[in-house]
Amino acid sequence: MQILLADLPFQLVGMDAFTHLPPVEEDQPTILGNAAKKALQIAQATRMLCLADDTGLFIDCLDGLPGVHSARWAGEHCSYLDNRLKALEMLQNCDRRSASFRTVIALASPQGIIAFKEGRVDGEITREELGTNGFGYDSIFLVKATGKTFAQMSDEDKNQLSHRALAIAAIRPILFKLGNME
């Protein structure tokens, strides 16, 4: 996220600067809820503006699963590979492989939520892993607009086309406006 926001008119501080803060429990029923909870809790704890996001993979044939549970879909201590294998296994007999990756970014002040923005990329789930540059579900998510999985793309291409990049692009005008008010 910091790379995509490097030109803002204020300094970004990553979460690694706040080692004393406990992690925020992502227990909300939606990615919007998780992003909002993280942004607001951290903004209140640090007394600073906070950007937080949450992402999910929504597979149509599975009624939107794994959705908000994407990170731990195959179990509490699962790996990225475990999650990908579960998706491929559950889709073995499904011809409708359409899916979307969605990221919601929440911006909060200590007083409350300021804005939400969503980025969405449509695609489909492949029948096998393709590409090695990525993490999570990147190697099984074929981006409709490019015909490549995220794992087949360069970091530069992903930073322009990804669901997170689209959400960041949508919130940038608000951040610039806030930065110019200081």
N, C-alpha and C. Protein backbone atom coordinates (compact mmCIF):
# COMPACT_ATOMS: atom_id res chain seq x y z
N MET A 1 0.82 -1.19 0.00
CA MET A 1 0.00 0.00 0.00
C MET A 1 0.87 1.25 0.00
N GLN A 2 1.98 1.22 0.75
CA GLN A 2 2.83 2.40 0.84
C GLN A 2 3.43 2.79 -0.51
N ILE A 3 3.75 1.81 -1.34
CA ILE A 3 4.29 2.11 -2.67
C ILE A 3 3.27 2.87 -3.50
N LEU A 4 2.01 2.46 -3.42
CA LEU A 4 0.96 3.08 -4.21
C LEU A 4 0.56 4.45 -3.68
N LEU A 5 0.99 4.79 -2.47
CA LEU A 5 0.63 6.08 -1.87
C LEU A 5 1.86 6.94 -1.56
N ALA A 6 2.98 6.63 -2.17
CA ALA A 6 4.24 7.31 -1.85
C ALA A 6 4.22 8.80 -2.14
N ASP A 7 3.37 9.27 -3.05
CA ASP A 7 3.38 10.68 -3.44
C ASP A 7 2.37 11.54 -2.67
N LEU A 8 1.82 11.03 -1.60
CA LEU A 8 0.86 11.81 -0.81
C LEU A 8 1.55 12.98 -0.13
N PRO A 9 0.79 14.05 0.16
CA PRO A 9 1.40 15.23 0.79
C PRO A 9 1.56 15.10 2.31
N PHE A 10 1.68 13.91 2.82
CA PHE A 10 1.97 13.68 4.22
C PHE A 10 2.67 12.34 4.37
N GLN A 11 3.27 12.13 5.54
CA GLN A 11 4.06 10.93 5.77
C GLN A 11 3.16 9.76 6.16
N LEU A 12 3.40 8.62 5.55
CA LEU A 12 2.71 7.39 5.93
C LEU A 12 3.54 6.65 6.97
N VAL A 13 2.87 6.10 7.94
CA VAL A 13 3.54 5.32 8.98
C VAL A 13 2.93 3.93 8.96
N GLY A 14 3.75 2.92 8.77
CA GLY A 14 3.26 1.54 8.72
C GLY A 14 2.98 0.98 10.10
N MET A 15 2.23 -0.10 10.13
CA MET A 15 1.87 -0.73 11.41
C MET A 15 3.07 -1.25 12.17
N ASP A 16 4.17 -1.50 11.48
CA ASP A 16 5.37 -1.98 12.17
C ASP A 16 5.92 -0.94 13.14
N ALA A 17 5.50 0.31 13.02
CA ALA A 17 5.93 1.36 13.95
C ALA A 17 5.14 1.31 15.26
N PHE A 18 4.09 0.50 15.29
CA PHE A 18 3.21 0.43 16.47
C PHE A 18 3.20 -0.99 17.03
N THR A 19 4.37 -1.45 17.40
CA THR A 19 4.50 -2.84 17.87
C THR A 19 3.76 -3.09 19.18
N HIS A 20 3.44 -2.04 19.90
CA HIS A 20 2.74 -2.18 21.18
C HIS A 20 1.24 -2.43 21.00
N LEU A 21 0.72 -2.23 19.81
CA LEU A 21 -0.71 -2.41 19.59
C LEU A 21 -1.04 -3.88 19.33
N PRO A 22 -2.07 -4.38 19.98
CA PRO A 22 -2.48 -5.76 19.69
C PRO A 22 -3.13 -5.83 18.31
N PRO A 23 -3.08 -6.98 17.67
CA PRO A 23 -3.73 -7.09 16.36
C PRO A 23 -5.25 -6.93 16.51
N VAL A 24 -5.86 -6.38 15.49
CA VAL A 24 -7.31 -6.22 15.48
C VAL A 24 -7.93 -7.54 15.02
N GLU A 25 -8.88 -8.04 15.79
CA GLU A 25 -9.55 -9.29 15.42
C GLU A 25 -10.50 -9.03 14.25
N GLU A 26 -10.29 -9.76 13.17
CA GLU A 26 -11.14 -9.62 11.99
C GLU A 26 -12.33 -10.57 12.12
N ASP A 27 -13.36 -10.11 12.81
CA ASP A 27 -14.50 -10.97 13.12
C ASP A 27 -15.81 -10.45 12.55
N GLN A 28 -15.73 -9.52 11.62
CA GLN A 28 -16.93 -8.95 11.03
C GLN A 28 -17.45 -9.83 9.89
N PRO A 29 -18.74 -9.74 9.56
CA PRO A 29 -19.30 -10.61 8.52
C PRO A 29 -19.01 -10.18 7.08
N THR A 30 -18.39 -9.00 6.92
CA THR A 30 -18.07 -8.51 5.57
C THR A 30 -16.66 -7.94 5.54
N ILE A 31 -16.10 -7.83 4.34
CA ILE A 31 -14.78 -7.21 4.23
C ILE A 31 -14.87 -5.72 4.56
N LEU A 32 -15.99 -5.08 4.27
CA LEU A 32 -16.18 -3.68 4.66
C LEU A 32 -16.16 -3.56 6.18
N GLY A 33 -16.84 -4.46 6.86
CA GLY A 33 -16.86 -4.43 8.32
C GLY A 33 -15.48 -4.62 8.92
N ASN A 34 -14.70 -5.54 8.38
CA ASN A 34 -13.34 -5.76 8.88
C ASN A 34 -12.45 -4.55 8.63
N ALA A 35 -12.53 -3.97 7.43
CA ALA A 35 -11.71 -2.79 7.12
C ALA A 35 -12.08 -1.64 8.05
N ALA A 36 -13.37 -1.43 8.26
CA ALA A 36 -13.82 -0.34 9.14
C ALA A 36 -13.35 -0.56 10.58
N LYS A 37 -13.49 -1.78 11.06
CA LYS A 37 -13.09 -2.08 12.44
C LYS A 37 -11.60 -1.83 12.63
N LYS A 38 -10.78 -2.31 11.69
CA LYS A 38 -9.34 -2.12 11.80
C LYS A 38 -8.98 -0.64 11.75
N ALA A 39 -9.55 0.10 10.79
CA ALA A 39 -9.21 1.52 10.64
C ALA A 39 -9.60 2.31 11.89
N LEU A 40 -10.78 2.08 12.39
CA LEU A 40 -11.26 2.84 13.54
C LEU A 40 -10.49 2.49 14.82
N GLN A 41 -10.27 1.21 15.06
CA GLN A 41 -9.53 0.81 16.27
C GLN A 41 -8.12 1.37 16.26
N ILE A 42 -7.46 1.31 15.12
CA ILE A 42 -6.08 1.78 15.06
C ILE A 42 -6.03 3.31 15.11
N ALA A 43 -6.97 3.98 14.46
CA ALA A 43 -7.02 5.45 14.52
C ALA A 43 -7.23 5.91 15.96
N GLN A 44 -8.10 5.24 16.69
CA GLN A 44 -8.35 5.63 18.08
C GLN A 44 -7.14 5.32 18.97
N ALA A 45 -6.46 4.22 18.72
CA ALA A 45 -5.30 3.85 19.54
C ALA A 45 -4.10 4.74 19.28
N THR A 46 -3.94 5.20 18.04
CA THR A 46 -2.76 6.00 17.68
C THR A 46 -3.04 7.50 17.67
N ARG A 47 -4.32 7.87 17.70
CA ARG A 47 -4.75 9.28 17.58
C ARG A 47 -4.30 9.88 16.25
N MET A 48 -4.29 9.04 15.22
CA MET A 48 -3.88 9.46 13.87
C MET A 48 -4.92 8.99 12.87
N LEU A 49 -4.90 9.59 11.68
CA LEU A 49 -5.70 9.04 10.59
C LEU A 49 -5.19 7.63 10.29
N CYS A 50 -6.07 6.76 9.88
CA CYS A 50 -5.66 5.40 9.58
C CYS A 50 -6.37 4.88 8.34
N LEU A 51 -5.60 4.25 7.48
CA LEU A 51 -6.12 3.50 6.34
C LEU A 51 -5.98 2.02 6.67
N ALA A 52 -7.04 1.28 6.46
CA ALA A 52 -6.98 -0.17 6.65
C ALA A 52 -7.80 -0.82 5.56
N ASP A 53 -7.43 -2.04 5.21
CA ASP A 53 -8.18 -2.71 4.15
C ASP A 53 -8.49 -4.15 4.54
N ASP A 54 -9.38 -4.73 3.77
CA ASP A 54 -9.64 -6.16 3.85
C ASP A 54 -9.98 -6.61 2.45
N THR A 55 -9.62 -7.84 2.15
CA THR A 55 -9.78 -8.37 0.80
C THR A 55 -10.45 -9.73 0.87
N GLY A 56 -11.20 -10.03 -0.16
CA GLY A 56 -11.81 -11.34 -0.27
C GLY A 56 -11.89 -11.80 -1.71
N LEU A 57 -11.87 -13.10 -1.88
CA LEU A 57 -12.11 -13.73 -3.17
C LEU A 57 -13.54 -14.27 -3.13
N PHE A 58 -14.34 -13.87 -4.10
CA PHE A 58 -15.75 -14.25 -4.14
C PHE A 58 -15.99 -15.10 -5.39
N ILE A 59 -16.26 -16.39 -5.18
CA ILE A 59 -16.43 -17.34 -6.27
C ILE A 59 -17.93 -17.58 -6.47
N ASP A 60 -18.41 -17.27 -7.67
CA ASP A 60 -19.84 -17.32 -7.95
C ASP A 60 -20.44 -18.71 -7.74
N CYS A 61 -19.79 -19.74 -8.23
CA CYS A 61 -20.30 -21.11 -8.13
C CYS A 61 -20.43 -21.56 -6.67
N LEU A 62 -19.70 -20.92 -5.79
CA LEU A 62 -19.72 -21.27 -4.36
C LEU A 62 -20.50 -20.24 -3.55
N ASP A 63 -21.42 -19.54 -4.21
CA ASP A 63 -22.25 -18.53 -3.54
C ASP A 63 -21.42 -17.47 -2.81
N GLY A 64 -20.31 -17.07 -3.43
CA GLY A 64 -19.49 -16.01 -2.87
C GLY A 64 -18.40 -16.45 -1.92
N LEU A 65 -18.30 -17.73 -1.65
CA LEU A 65 -17.20 -18.21 -0.81
C LEU A 65 -15.89 -18.13 -1.58
N PRO A 66 -14.78 -17.98 -0.92
CA PRO A 66 -14.61 -17.86 0.52
C PRO A 66 -14.93 -16.47 1.08
N GLY A 67 -15.01 -15.44 0.22
CA GLY A 67 -15.43 -14.12 0.67
C GLY A 67 -14.61 -13.59 1.82
N VAL A 68 -15.31 -13.15 2.86
CA VAL A 68 -14.65 -12.55 4.02
C VAL A 68 -13.73 -13.55 4.72
N HIS A 69 -13.90 -14.82 4.47
CA HIS A 69 -13.09 -15.86 5.12
C HIS A 69 -11.90 -16.31 4.27
N SER A 70 -11.54 -15.56 3.25
CA SER A 70 -10.52 -15.98 2.29
C SER A 70 -9.18 -16.33 2.91
N ALA A 71 -8.73 -15.57 3.89
CA ALA A 71 -7.39 -15.79 4.46
C ALA A 71 -7.27 -17.12 5.20
N ARG A 72 -8.34 -17.55 5.85
CA ARG A 72 -8.28 -18.76 6.67
C ARG A 72 -9.34 -19.78 6.23
N TRP A 73 -9.64 -19.81 4.95
CA TRP A 73 -10.72 -20.65 4.44
C TRP A 73 -10.47 -22.14 4.70
N ALA A 74 -9.25 -22.58 4.56
CA ALA A 74 -8.93 -24.00 4.73
C ALA A 74 -8.63 -24.37 6.18
N GLY A 75 -8.78 -23.43 7.09
CA GLY A 75 -8.53 -23.70 8.50
C GLY A 75 -7.77 -22.57 9.16
N GLU A 76 -7.81 -22.52 10.46
CA GLU A 76 -7.23 -21.41 11.23
C GLU A 76 -5.74 -21.20 10.94
N HIS A 77 -4.97 -22.25 10.81
CA HIS A 77 -3.52 -22.12 10.61
C HIS A 77 -3.11 -22.63 9.22
N CYS A 78 -3.96 -22.41 8.25
CA CYS A 78 -3.70 -22.92 6.90
C CYS A 78 -2.69 -22.05 6.15
N SER A 79 -2.16 -22.61 5.09
CA SER A 79 -1.23 -21.88 4.23
C SER A 79 -1.98 -21.37 3.00
N TYR A 80 -1.32 -20.50 2.23
CA TYR A 80 -1.90 -20.05 0.96
C TYR A 80 -2.19 -21.25 0.06
N LEU A 81 -1.26 -22.20 0.05
CA LEU A 81 -1.44 -23.39 -0.78
C LEU A 81 -2.68 -24.17 -0.34
N ASP A 82 -2.88 -24.32 0.95
CA ASP A 82 -4.08 -25.01 1.45
C ASP A 82 -5.35 -24.35 0.92
N ASN A 83 -5.39 -23.03 0.96
CA ASN A 83 -6.57 -22.30 0.47
C ASN A 83 -6.78 -22.51 -1.02
N ARG A 84 -5.70 -22.44 -1.80
CA ARG A 84 -5.83 -22.64 -3.25
C ARG A 84 -6.31 -24.05 -3.57
N LEU A 85 -5.73 -25.03 -2.90
CA LEU A 85 -6.13 -26.42 -3.14
C LEU A 85 -7.59 -26.65 -2.78
N LYS A 86 -8.05 -26.03 -1.71
CA LYS A 86 -9.46 -26.16 -1.33
C LYS A 86 -10.36 -25.57 -2.42
N ALA A 87 -9.99 -24.41 -2.94
CA ALA A 87 -10.79 -23.79 -4.00
C ALA A 87 -10.83 -24.67 -5.24
N LEU A 88 -9.68 -25.16 -5.65
CA LEU A 88 -9.63 -26.01 -6.85
C LEU A 88 -10.43 -27.29 -6.64
N GLU A 89 -10.34 -27.87 -5.46
CA GLU A 89 -11.09 -29.09 -5.17
C GLU A 89 -12.60 -28.84 -5.19
N MET A 90 -13.03 -27.75 -4.59
CA MET A 90 -14.46 -27.47 -4.53
C MET A 90 -15.05 -27.12 -5.90
N LEU A 91 -14.19 -26.70 -6.82
CA LEU A 91 -14.66 -26.32 -8.16
C LEU A 91 -14.45 -27.42 -9.20
N GLN A 92 -14.01 -28.60 -8.78
CA GLN A 92 -13.73 -29.68 -9.73
C GLN A 92 -14.89 -29.96 -10.68
N ASN A 93 -16.10 -29.97 -10.18
CA ASN A 93 -17.27 -30.30 -10.99
C ASN A 93 -18.11 -29.08 -11.35
N CYS A 94 -17.50 -27.93 -11.32
CA CYS A 94 -18.23 -26.69 -11.59
C CYS A 94 -17.71 -26.06 -12.88
N ASP A 95 -18.60 -25.84 -13.83
CA ASP A 95 -18.20 -25.20 -15.08
C ASP A 95 -18.23 -23.68 -14.97
N ARG A 96 -19.04 -23.15 -14.09
CA ARG A 96 -19.15 -21.70 -13.91
C ARG A 96 -18.07 -21.28 -12.91
N ARG A 97 -16.94 -20.82 -13.41
CA ARG A 97 -15.78 -20.55 -12.57
C ARG A 97 -15.54 -19.05 -12.36
N SER A 98 -16.55 -18.24 -12.67
CA SER A 98 -16.40 -16.79 -12.52
C SER A 98 -16.22 -16.42 -11.05
N ALA A 99 -15.43 -15.37 -10.85
CA ALA A 99 -15.11 -14.93 -9.49
C ALA A 99 -14.71 -13.46 -9.53
N SER A 100 -14.62 -12.87 -8.37
CA SER A 100 -14.10 -11.51 -8.27
C SER A 100 -13.24 -11.40 -7.02
N PHE A 101 -12.20 -10.60 -7.15
CA PHE A 101 -11.37 -10.21 -6.02
C PHE A 101 -11.83 -8.82 -5.63
N ARG A 102 -12.08 -8.59 -4.36
CA ARG A 102 -12.54 -7.28 -3.90
C ARG A 102 -11.73 -6.85 -2.69
N THR A 103 -11.36 -5.58 -2.71
CA THR A 103 -10.71 -4.96 -1.56
C THR A 103 -11.52 -3.75 -1.16
N VAL A 104 -11.77 -3.61 0.12
CA VAL A 104 -12.38 -2.39 0.67
C VAL A 104 -11.32 -1.71 1.52
N ILE A 105 -11.13 -0.42 1.27
CA ILE A 105 -10.23 0.40 2.09
C ILE A 105 -11.10 1.35 2.90
N ALA A 106 -10.82 1.41 4.19
CA ALA A 106 -11.51 2.33 5.08
C ALA A 106 -10.52 3.37 5.57
N LEU A 107 -10.96 4.61 5.61
CA LEU A 107 -10.18 5.72 6.16
C LEU A 107 -10.91 6.20 7.40
N ALA A 108 -10.18 6.24 8.52
CA ALA A 108 -10.80 6.67 9.77
C ALA A 108 -9.92 7.69 10.48
N SER A 109 -10.59 8.55 11.23
CA SER A 109 -9.93 9.43 12.18
C SER A 109 -10.27 8.87 13.57
N PRO A 110 -9.65 9.40 14.62
CA PRO A 110 -10.03 8.92 15.95
C PRO A 110 -11.51 9.15 16.28
N GLN A 111 -12.15 10.08 15.57
CA GLN A 111 -13.56 10.39 15.82
C GLN A 111 -14.52 9.49 15.04
N GLY A 112 -14.04 8.82 14.00
CA GLY A 112 -14.94 7.95 13.24
C GLY A 112 -14.48 7.70 11.83
N ILE A 113 -15.29 6.95 11.10
CA ILE A 113 -14.99 6.60 9.71
C ILE A 113 -15.19 7.82 8.83
N ILE A 114 -14.24 8.07 7.94
CA ILE A 114 -14.31 9.18 7.00
C ILE A 114 -14.81 8.70 5.65
N ALA A 115 -14.28 7.58 5.17
CA ALA A 115 -14.64 7.12 3.83
C ALA A 115 -14.34 5.64 3.66
N PHE A 116 -15.07 5.03 2.71
CA PHE A 116 -14.81 3.67 2.24
C PHE A 116 -14.67 3.73 0.73
N LYS A 117 -13.79 2.92 0.19
CA LYS A 117 -13.70 2.75 -1.27
C LYS A 117 -13.44 1.28 -1.55
N GLU A 118 -14.00 0.81 -2.67
CA GLU A 118 -13.83 -0.59 -3.04
C GLU A 118 -13.15 -0.69 -4.39
N GLY A 119 -12.29 -1.68 -4.51
CA GLY A 119 -11.70 -2.06 -5.79
C GLY A 119 -12.13 -3.47 -6.10
N ARG A 120 -12.48 -3.71 -7.36
CA ARG A 120 -12.97 -5.03 -7.75
C ARG A 120 -12.35 -5.41 -9.09
N VAL A 121 -11.89 -6.66 -9.16
CA VAL A 121 -11.37 -7.22 -10.41
C VAL A 121 -12.15 -8.50 -10.68
N ASP A 122 -12.72 -8.58 -11.87
CA ASP A 122 -13.47 -9.77 -12.27
C ASP A 122 -12.57 -10.74 -13.01
N GLY A 123 -12.86 -12.01 -12.85
CA GLY A 123 -12.07 -13.03 -13.52
C GLY A 123 -12.70 -14.39 -13.34
N GLU A 124 -11.84 -15.39 -13.37
CA GLU A 124 -12.32 -16.76 -13.14
C GLU A 124 -11.23 -17.57 -12.48
N ILE A 125 -11.65 -18.66 -11.88
CA ILE A 125 -10.71 -19.56 -11.22
C ILE A 125 -10.21 -20.58 -12.25
N THR A 126 -8.90 -20.68 -12.36
CA THR A 126 -8.30 -21.61 -13.31
C THR A 126 -8.47 -23.05 -12.82
N ARG A 127 -8.11 -24.00 -13.65
CA ARG A 127 -8.19 -25.42 -13.26
C ARG A 127 -6.88 -25.91 -12.64
N GLU A 128 -5.83 -25.08 -12.77
CA GLU A 128 -4.53 -25.41 -12.17
C GLU A 128 -3.80 -24.11 -11.87
N GLU A 129 -2.76 -24.21 -11.08
CA GLU A 129 -1.98 -23.02 -10.74
C GLU A 129 -1.17 -22.57 -11.94
N LEU A 130 -1.17 -21.25 -12.17
CA LEU A 130 -0.43 -20.66 -13.28
C LEU A 130 0.36 -19.46 -12.77
N GLY A 131 1.68 -19.49 -12.93
CA GLY A 131 2.53 -18.38 -12.52
C GLY A 131 3.09 -18.57 -11.13
N THR A 132 4.14 -17.80 -10.85
CA THR A 132 4.84 -17.94 -9.57
C THR A 132 5.02 -16.62 -8.84
N ASN A 133 4.64 -15.51 -9.44
CA ASN A 133 4.85 -14.20 -8.82
C ASN A 133 3.60 -13.77 -8.06
N GLY A 134 3.52 -14.18 -6.83
CA GLY A 134 2.34 -13.77 -6.09
C GLY A 134 2.20 -14.54 -4.80
N PHE A 135 1.03 -14.41 -4.21
CA PHE A 135 0.71 -15.08 -2.95
C PHE A 135 -0.80 -15.28 -2.92
N GLY A 136 -1.27 -15.87 -1.86
CA GLY A 136 -2.71 -16.06 -1.74
C GLY A 136 -3.26 -16.86 -2.91
N TYR A 137 -4.30 -16.32 -3.52
CA TYR A 137 -4.98 -16.98 -4.63
C TYR A 137 -4.48 -16.51 -6.00
N ASP A 138 -3.39 -15.74 -6.03
CA ASP A 138 -2.91 -15.14 -7.28
C ASP A 138 -2.73 -16.14 -8.42
N SER A 139 -2.25 -17.33 -8.12
CA SER A 139 -1.92 -18.29 -9.19
C SER A 139 -3.14 -19.04 -9.73
N ILE A 140 -4.31 -18.85 -9.12
CA ILE A 140 -5.51 -19.52 -9.65
C ILE A 140 -6.59 -18.52 -10.07
N PHE A 141 -6.30 -17.22 -9.97
CA PHE A 141 -7.27 -16.20 -10.36
C PHE A 141 -6.86 -15.58 -11.68
N LEU A 142 -7.59 -15.91 -12.74
CA LEU A 142 -7.32 -15.39 -14.08
C LEU A 142 -8.08 -14.08 -14.25
N VAL A 143 -7.34 -13.00 -14.45
CA VAL A 143 -7.94 -11.67 -14.58
C VAL A 143 -8.59 -11.54 -15.96
N LYS A 144 -9.87 -11.25 -15.96
CA LYS A 144 -10.64 -11.17 -17.19
C LYS A 144 -10.02 -10.19 -18.19
N ALA A 145 -9.58 -9.04 -17.72
CA ALA A 145 -9.08 -7.98 -18.60
C ALA A 145 -7.76 -8.32 -19.27
N THR A 146 -6.99 -9.25 -18.68
CA THR A 146 -5.65 -9.53 -19.22
C THR A 146 -5.47 -10.95 -19.74
N GLY A 147 -6.30 -11.87 -19.30
CA GLY A 147 -6.11 -13.27 -19.67
C GLY A 147 -4.94 -13.92 -18.95
N LYS A 148 -4.44 -13.27 -17.90
CA LYS A 148 -3.34 -13.80 -17.09
C LYS A 148 -3.79 -13.89 -15.64
N THR A 149 -3.15 -14.81 -14.91
CA THR A 149 -3.36 -14.80 -13.46
C THR A 149 -2.52 -13.67 -12.88
N PHE A 150 -2.86 -13.25 -11.67
CA PHE A 150 -2.03 -12.26 -11.00
C PHE A 150 -0.61 -12.79 -10.82
N ALA A 151 -0.45 -14.09 -10.64
CA ALA A 151 0.88 -14.68 -10.45
C ALA A 151 1.70 -14.70 -11.73
N GLN A 152 1.07 -14.48 -12.87
CA GLN A 152 1.78 -14.39 -14.15
C GLN A 152 2.16 -12.95 -14.49
N MET A 153 1.73 -12.00 -13.69
CA MET A 153 1.99 -10.58 -13.95
C MET A 153 3.20 -10.10 -13.18
N SER A 154 3.80 -9.03 -13.69
CA SER A 154 4.87 -8.36 -12.95
C SER A 154 4.26 -7.59 -11.79
N ASP A 155 5.08 -7.25 -10.82
CA ASP A 155 4.60 -6.43 -9.70
C ASP A 155 4.07 -5.10 -10.21
N GLU A 156 4.71 -4.53 -11.21
CA GLU A 156 4.27 -3.25 -11.77
C GLU A 156 2.87 -3.36 -12.36
N ASP A 157 2.61 -4.44 -13.10
CA ASP A 157 1.27 -4.63 -13.66
C ASP A 157 0.24 -4.84 -12.56
N LYS A 158 0.58 -5.64 -11.56
CA LYS A 158 -0.34 -5.87 -10.45
C LYS A 158 -0.65 -4.57 -9.71
N ASN A 159 0.37 -3.71 -9.56
CA ASN A 159 0.17 -2.44 -8.87
C ASN A 159 -0.72 -1.48 -9.64
N GLN A 160 -1.00 -1.78 -10.89
CA GLN A 160 -1.93 -0.96 -11.68
C GLN A 160 -3.30 -1.60 -11.79
N LEU A 161 -3.36 -2.93 -11.80
CA LEU A 161 -4.59 -3.64 -12.14
C LEU A 161 -5.30 -4.32 -10.97
N SER A 162 -4.64 -4.45 -9.85
CA SER A 162 -5.22 -5.27 -8.78
C SER A 162 -6.40 -4.57 -8.10
N HIS A 163 -7.18 -5.36 -7.41
CA HIS A 163 -8.31 -4.87 -6.63
C HIS A 163 -7.84 -3.86 -5.58
N ARG A 164 -6.70 -4.12 -4.97
CA ARG A 164 -6.16 -3.18 -3.98
C ARG A 164 -5.73 -1.87 -4.65
N ALA A 165 -5.08 -1.98 -5.81
CA ALA A 165 -4.68 -0.77 -6.53
C ALA A 165 -5.89 0.07 -6.92
N LEU A 166 -6.97 -0.58 -7.34
CA LEU A 166 -8.18 0.15 -7.72
C LEU A 166 -8.82 0.82 -6.51
N ALA A 167 -8.82 0.16 -5.36
CA ALA A 167 -9.37 0.77 -4.15
C ALA A 167 -8.52 1.96 -3.72
N ILE A 168 -7.22 1.81 -3.80
CA ILE A 168 -6.32 2.91 -3.44
C ILE A 168 -6.51 4.08 -4.40
N ALA A 169 -6.62 3.80 -5.69
CA ALA A 169 -6.85 4.87 -6.67
C ALA A 169 -8.15 5.62 -6.35
N ALA A 170 -9.15 4.91 -5.89
CA ALA A 170 -10.43 5.54 -5.57
C ALA A 170 -10.36 6.42 -4.33
N ILE A 171 -9.51 6.06 -3.37
CA ILE A 171 -9.44 6.85 -2.13
C ILE A 171 -8.39 7.96 -2.20
N ARG A 172 -7.50 7.90 -3.18
CA ARG A 172 -6.43 8.90 -3.30
C ARG A 172 -6.94 10.35 -3.30
N PRO A 173 -8.00 10.69 -4.06
CA PRO A 173 -8.46 12.08 -4.05
C PRO A 173 -8.85 12.58 -2.65
N ILE A 174 -9.42 11.71 -1.85
CA ILE A 174 -9.79 12.08 -0.49
C ILE A 174 -8.53 12.32 0.34
N LEU A 175 -7.54 11.46 0.18
CA LEU A 175 -6.29 11.62 0.92
C LEU A 175 -5.56 12.89 0.52
N PHE A 176 -5.54 13.20 -0.78
CA PHE A 176 -4.89 14.44 -1.23
C PHE A 176 -5.62 15.65 -0.67
N LYS A 177 -6.94 15.60 -0.65
CA LYS A 177 -7.72 16.72 -0.10
C LYS A 177 -7.39 16.91 1.38
N LEU A 178 -7.33 15.82 2.13
CA LEU A 178 -6.97 15.90 3.55
C LEU A 178 -5.55 16.43 3.73
N GLY A 179 -4.63 15.97 2.90
CA GLY A 179 -3.24 16.40 2.98
C GLY A 179 -3.06 17.86 2.68
N ASN A 180 -3.87 18.40 1.80
CA ASN A 180 -3.77 19.82 1.44
C ASN A 180 -4.47 20.72 2.44
N MET A 181 -5.21 20.14 3.39
CA MET A 181 -5.89 20.93 4.41
C MET A 181 -5.00 21.18 5.62
N GLU A 182 -3.91 20.42 5.71
CA GLU A 182 -3.03 20.56 6.89
C GLU A 182 -2.32 21.89 6.90
